[in-house]
């Protein structure tokens, strides 16, 4: 039943990605950062399970569908990050150093992928 454990791990990863996307849509970048830790923990678990799990064609298809969903949400998340990073870049212009430093600190802790 390790294949079910692996699929559950991928499903949990997809759930965390959905939560990260929802937080980003609400400009809650600190929450995105917190969720990223869970995301990376789940990725580590998946790597471990992948090494010792044989999948049937059906479970491979299920895994592929979950991964496609994760990638789609990751793409949406990245689209939200780019305008935020552009805003940060503008704030880093002379005269905005205090705001820029605050935004840079948030960026460093918010999303490191």
Foldseek 3Di string as FASTA:
>chain_A
DLLVVLLVLLVVLLVLLVVLLVCLVVVNLLVNLVSVVVNVVSVVVNVVSVVPDDDDPVSVVSSVVSVVSSVVSVVSSVVSVVVLVVVLVVCVPPPNVVVNVVSVVSVVRRDDD
